[in-house]
Structure formats: structure tokens, C-alpha cells
Amino acid sequence: MTQKLNRHGLPVRTARNAALAALAADLPSPILADVTGMHRHTALRWVADARRDWAEYLAARAADDEETPPL
């Protein structure tokens, strides 16, 4: 099925990863592991990667703002 969808321009892997990231952002890792059937360590990595931490983004934006002269 994956090959057929890919032939028609539907990226299955991207959609799968987006769905897993959305679940990982909302569920604790033990529940994610149970729901998806993945190993608990894999679920823990997904949850850690999906953690909503904007600190790095905000710091990068602040640095960009300092470097860009006002118009």
C-alpha cells in the first residue's frame, strides 16, 4: 500500500511521522507505547522530540532581530 500511495505522490512516511509527533505531544510515553505498539524507549524518544519547547526558537528570533537593522 505504501508503494502505491508513493507512486501517486502521497508521502506516507511524512504523514506517519506527523501523526506520531502529534500523538507524542499529547500523550505520556507509556500510553503512546501501548496505543501504537512501539517499544517504551522509542515512545520516550518520540515524546522528548515532540516536547513543545520554544526557548531555542525564541532565542534565535531574538538574535535575528538584533542583527537586522530597523527599516
C-alpha atoms as a PDB file:
ATOM      1  CA  MET A   1       0.000   0.000   0.000  1.00  0.00           C
ATOM      2  CA  THR A   2       2.848   2.380   0.820  1.00  0.00           C
ATOM      3  CA  GLN A   3       4.395   1.905  -2.604  1.00  0.00           C
ATOM      4  CA  LYS A   4       1.082   2.558  -4.365  1.00  0.00           C
ATOM      5  CA  LEU A   5       0.483   5.747  -2.394  1.00  0.00           C
ATOM      6  CA  ASN A   6       4.045   6.951  -3.019  1.00  0.00           C
ATOM      7  CA  ARG A   7       3.616   6.379  -6.759  1.00  0.00           C
ATOM      8  CA  HIS A   8       0.685   8.779  -6.664  1.00  0.00           C
ATOM      9  CA  GLY A   9       2.668  11.435  -4.838  1.00  0.00           C
ATOM     10  CA  LEU A  10       1.298  10.784  -1.361  1.00  0.00           C
ATOM     11  CA  PRO A  11       4.233  10.696   1.084  1.00  0.00           C
ATOM     12  CA  VAL A  12       3.206   8.061   3.613  1.00  0.00           C
ATOM     13  CA  ARG A  13       6.304   8.349   5.820  1.00  0.00           C
ATOM     14  CA  THR A  14       5.808  12.084   6.280  1.00  0.00           C
ATOM     15  CA  ALA A  15       2.173  11.638   7.254  1.00  0.00           C
ATOM     16  CA  ARG A  16       3.042   8.810   9.648  1.00  0.00           C
ATOM     17  CA  ASN A  17       5.714  10.874  11.362  1.00  0.00           C
ATOM     18  CA  ALA A  18       3.417  13.889  11.639  1.00  0.00           C
ATOM     19  CA  ALA A  19       0.699  11.756  13.218  1.00  0.00           C
ATOM     20  CA  LEU A  20       3.163  10.213  15.669  1.00  0.00           C
ATOM     21  CA  ALA A  21       4.548  13.634  16.590  1.00  0.00           C
ATOM     22  CA  ALA A  22       1.031  14.910  17.264  1.00  0.00           C
ATOM     23  CA  LEU A  23       0.272  11.920  19.474  1.00  0.00           C
ATOM     24  CA  ALA A  24       3.607  12.229  21.259  1.00  0.00           C
ATOM     25  CA  ALA A  25       2.928  15.881  22.021  1.00  0.00           C
ATOM     26  CA  ASP A  26      -0.359  14.992  23.733  1.00  0.00           C
ATOM     27  CA  LEU A  27       0.274  11.603  25.364  1.00  0.00           C
ATOM     28  CA  PRO A  28       2.702  10.385  28.014  1.00  0.00           C
ATOM     29  CA  SER A  29       5.227   7.875  26.691  1.00  0.00           C
ATOM     30  CA  PRO A  30       3.766   4.747  28.390  1.00  0.00           C
ATOM     31  CA  ILE A  31       0.369   5.395  26.821  1.00  0.00           C
ATOM     32  CA  LEU A  32       1.914   6.182  23.432  1.00  0.00           C
ATOM     33  CA  ALA A  33       3.797   2.874  23.586  1.00  0.00           C
ATOM     34  CA  ASP A  34       0.610   0.958  24.422  1.00  0.00           C
ATOM     35  CA  VAL A  35      -1.521   2.668  21.775  1.00  0.00           C
ATOM     36  CA  THR A  36       0.981   2.327  18.930  1.00  0.00           C
ATOM     37  CA  GLY A  37       2.663  -0.932  19.937  1.00  0.00           C
ATOM     38  CA  MET A  38       6.115   0.629  19.869  1.00  0.00           C
ATOM     39  CA  HIS A  39       8.817  -0.096  22.426  1.00  0.00           C
ATOM     40  CA  ARG A  40       8.655   2.094  25.515  1.00  0.00           C
ATOM     41  CA  HIS A  41      12.102   3.572  24.833  1.00  0.00           C
ATOM     42  CA  THR A  42      11.063   4.515  21.301  1.00  0.00           C
ATOM     43  CA  ALA A  43       7.924   6.166  22.686  1.00  0.00           C
ATOM     44  CA  LEU A  44      10.049   8.056  25.210  1.00  0.00           C
ATOM     45  CA  ARG A  45      12.243   9.417  22.383  1.00  0.00           C
ATOM     46  CA  TRP A  46       9.177  10.488  20.373  1.00  0.00           C
ATOM     47  CA  VAL A  47       7.732  12.304  23.394  1.00  0.00           C
ATOM     48  CA  ALA A  48      11.066  14.007  24.082  1.00  0.00           C
ATOM     49  CA  ASP A  49      11.368  15.102  20.440  1.00  0.00           C
ATOM     50  CA  ALA A  50       7.785  16.372  20.326  1.00  0.00           C
ATOM     51  CA  ARG A  51       8.111  18.360  23.539  1.00  0.00           C
ATOM     52  CA  ARG A  52       6.835  21.863  22.968  1.00  0.00           C
ATOM     53  CA  ASP A  53       9.841  23.904  23.987  1.00  0.00           C
ATOM     54  CA  TRP A  54      10.065  27.222  22.185  1.00  0.00           C
ATOM     55  CA  ALA A  55      13.159  28.515  24.000  1.00  0.00           C
ATOM     56  CA  GLU A  56      15.614  27.801  21.169  1.00  0.00           C
ATOM     57  CA  TYR A  57      13.294  29.297  18.566  1.00  0.00           C
ATOM     58  CA  LEU A  58      12.726  32.443  20.607  1.00  0.00           C
ATOM     59  CA  ALA A  59      16.461  32.858  21.231  1.00  0.00           C
ATOM     60  CA  ALA A  60      17.191  32.502  17.501  1.00  0.00           C
ATOM     61  CA  ARG A  61      14.484  35.062  16.655  1.00  0.00           C
ATOM     62  CA  ALA A  62      15.873  37.487  19.229  1.00  0.00           C
ATOM     63  CA  ALA A  63      19.369  37.092  17.757  1.00  0.00           C
ATOM     64  CA  ASP A  64      17.998  37.706  14.245  1.00  0.00           C
ATOM     65  CA  ASP A  65      16.179  40.806  15.443  1.00  0.00           C
ATOM     66  CA  GLU A  66      19.386  42.177  16.964  1.00  0.00           C
ATOM     67  CA  GLU A  67      21.325  41.623  13.731  1.00  0.00           C
ATOM     68  CA  THR A  68      18.679  43.115  11.437  1.00  0.00           C
ATOM     69  CA  PRO A  69      18.728  46.912  11.302  1.00  0.00           C
ATOM     70  CA  PRO A  70      15.340  48.630  11.571  1.00  0.00           C
ATOM     71  CA  LEU A  71      13.713  49.840   8.359  1.00  0.00           C
END
